[in-house]
């Protein structure tokens, strides 16, 4: 079933992006453009995201950085200085 008819994005594609770590409609939009044209699908995307778990949110709830790059960023900055 299509979630975003403007860009032909299916519910499965949204779920796949969510499984890959997208937790917000904005992150879904960055991944596949869904929700960036007319915007009528944003509520549907929110509904899909609300039903699943979010690996990033779970990490943040545990007090851990949400991305692996978050772990290395301070070291890279200190090495560049």
C-alpha atoms as a PDB file:
ATOM      1  CA  UNK A   1       0.000   0.000   0.000  1.00  0.00           C
ATOM      2  CA  UNK A   2       1.273   3.465  -0.885  1.00  0.00           C
ATOM      3  CA  UNK A   3       1.877   5.883   1.957  1.00  0.00           C
ATOM      4  CA  UNK A   4       3.195   8.727  -0.189  1.00  0.00           C
ATOM      5  CA  UNK A   5       1.596   8.922  -3.608  1.00  0.00           C
ATOM      6  CA  UNK A   6       3.697  11.950  -4.585  1.00  0.00           C
ATOM      7  CA  UNK A   7       6.897   9.878  -4.549  1.00  0.00           C
ATOM      8  CA  UNK A   8       5.472   6.350  -4.724  1.00  0.00           C
ATOM      9  CA  UNK A   9       6.701   5.343  -1.267  1.00  0.00           C
ATOM     10  CA  UNK A  10       5.090   2.248   0.188  1.00  0.00           C
ATOM     11  CA  UNK A  11       4.354   1.324   3.784  1.00  0.00           C
ATOM     12  CA  UNK A  12       6.987  -1.412   3.517  1.00  0.00           C
ATOM     13  CA  UNK A  13       9.611   1.140   2.455  1.00  0.00           C
ATOM     14  CA  UNK A  14       8.750   3.364   5.432  1.00  0.00           C
ATOM     15  CA  UNK A  15       9.004   0.353   7.760  1.00  0.00           C
ATOM     16  CA  UNK A  16      12.339  -0.629   6.196  1.00  0.00           C
ATOM     17  CA  UNK A  17      13.711   2.878   6.791  1.00  0.00           C
ATOM     18  CA  UNK A  18      12.399   2.754  10.355  1.00  0.00           C
ATOM     19  CA  UNK A  19      14.125  -0.600  10.879  1.00  0.00           C
ATOM     20  CA  UNK A  20      17.313   1.016   9.594  1.00  0.00           C
ATOM     21  CA  UNK A  21      17.062   3.700  12.294  1.00  0.00           C
ATOM     22  CA  UNK A  22      14.721   6.439  11.055  1.00  0.00           C
ATOM     23  CA  UNK A  23      12.533   7.453  14.004  1.00  0.00           C
ATOM     24  CA  UNK A  24      10.796  10.618  12.804  1.00  0.00           C
ATOM     25  CA  UNK A  25       8.906  11.714   9.698  1.00  0.00           C
ATOM     26  CA  UNK A  26      11.798  14.085   8.961  1.00  0.00           C
ATOM     27  CA  UNK A  27      14.267  11.180   8.964  1.00  0.00           C
ATOM     28  CA  UNK A  28      11.946   9.218   6.683  1.00  0.00           C
ATOM     29  CA  UNK A  29      11.780  12.251   4.387  1.00  0.00           C
ATOM     30  CA  UNK A  30      15.570  12.407   4.269  1.00  0.00           C
ATOM     31  CA  UNK A  31      15.711   8.744   3.338  1.00  0.00           C
ATOM     32  CA  UNK A  32      13.046   8.654   0.601  1.00  0.00           C
ATOM     33  CA  UNK A  33      11.393  12.107   0.200  1.00  0.00           C
ATOM     34  CA  UNK A  34       8.053  10.885   1.595  1.00  0.00           C
ATOM     35  CA  UNK A  35       6.187  13.805   3.150  1.00  0.00           C
ATOM     36  CA  UNK A  36       8.173  16.531   1.430  1.00  0.00           C
ATOM     37  CA  UNK A  37       5.728  17.468  -1.340  1.00  0.00           C
ATOM     38  CA  UNK A  38       2.071  17.871  -0.372  1.00  0.00           C
ATOM     39  CA  UNK A  39       2.532  16.618   3.200  1.00  0.00           C
ATOM     40  CA  UNK A  40      -0.693  14.634   3.313  1.00  0.00           C
ATOM     41  CA  UNK A  41       1.179  11.437   4.229  1.00  0.00           C
ATOM     42  CA  UNK A  42       3.017  12.792   7.269  1.00  0.00           C
ATOM     43  CA  UNK A  43       0.335  11.663   9.724  1.00  0.00           C
ATOM     44  CA  UNK A  44       0.329   8.198   8.170  1.00  0.00           C
ATOM     45  CA  UNK A  45       4.136   8.066   8.506  1.00  0.00           C
ATOM     46  CA  UNK A  46       3.833   9.142  12.151  1.00  0.00           C
ATOM     47  CA  UNK A  47       1.324   6.358  12.686  1.00  0.00           C
ATOM     48  CA  UNK A  48       3.644   3.762  11.168  1.00  0.00           C
ATOM     49  CA  UNK A  49       6.597   4.983  13.226  1.00  0.00           C
ATOM     50  CA  UNK A  50       4.514   5.006  16.385  1.00  0.00           C
ATOM     51  CA  UNK A  51       3.805   1.291  16.107  1.00  0.00           C
ATOM     52  CA  UNK A  52       7.419   0.190  15.936  1.00  0.00           C
ATOM     53  CA  UNK A  53      10.424   0.479  18.124  1.00  0.00           C
ATOM     54  CA  UNK A  54      13.145   2.989  17.463  1.00  0.00           C
ATOM     55  CA  UNK A  55      16.712   1.766  17.991  1.00  0.00           C
ATOM     56  CA  UNK A  56      17.969   5.339  18.350  1.00  0.00           C
ATOM     57  CA  UNK A  57      15.299   6.233  20.898  1.00  0.00           C
ATOM     58  CA  UNK A  58      16.070   3.077  22.865  1.00  0.00           C
ATOM     59  CA  UNK A  59      19.773   3.994  22.991  1.00  0.00           C
ATOM     60  CA  UNK A  60      18.975   7.525  24.117  1.00  0.00           C
ATOM     61  CA  UNK A  61      16.653   6.188  26.820  1.00  0.00           C
ATOM     62  CA  UNK A  62      19.597   4.119  28.093  1.00  0.00           C
ATOM     63  CA  UNK A  63      21.797   7.226  28.174  1.00  0.00           C
ATOM     64  CA  UNK A  64      23.930   6.094  25.237  1.00  0.00           C
ATOM     65  CA  UNK A  65      24.762   7.996  22.034  1.00  0.00           C
ATOM     66  CA  UNK A  66      22.209   7.301  19.307  1.00  0.00           C
ATOM     67  CA  UNK A  67      24.774   6.717  16.553  1.00  0.00           C
ATOM     68  CA  UNK A  68      28.161   5.063  16.383  1.00  0.00           C
ATOM     69  CA  UNK A  69      29.572   8.315  14.997  1.00  0.00           C
ATOM     70  CA  UNK A  70      28.479  10.032  18.212  1.00  0.00           C
ATOM     71  CA  UNK A  71      31.037   7.908  20.055  1.00  0.00           C
ATOM     72  CA  UNK A  72      33.967   8.996  17.934  1.00  0.00           C
ATOM     73  CA  UNK A  73      33.145  12.666  17.369  1.00  0.00           C
ATOM     74  CA  UNK A  74      34.844  14.073  20.500  1.00  0.00           C
ATOM     75  CA  UNK A  75      38.047  12.083  19.854  1.00  0.00           C
ATOM     76  CA  UNK A  76      38.193  13.252  16.245  1.00  0.00           C
ATOM     77  CA  UNK A  77      37.822  16.860  17.360  1.00  0.00           C
ATOM     78  CA  UNK A  78      40.562  16.585  19.947  1.00  0.00           C
ATOM     79  CA  UNK A  79      42.935  14.943  17.479  1.00  0.00           C
ATOM     80  CA  UNK A  80      42.377  17.714  14.927  1.00  0.00           C
ATOM     81  CA  UNK A  81      43.245  20.438  17.429  1.00  0.00           C
END
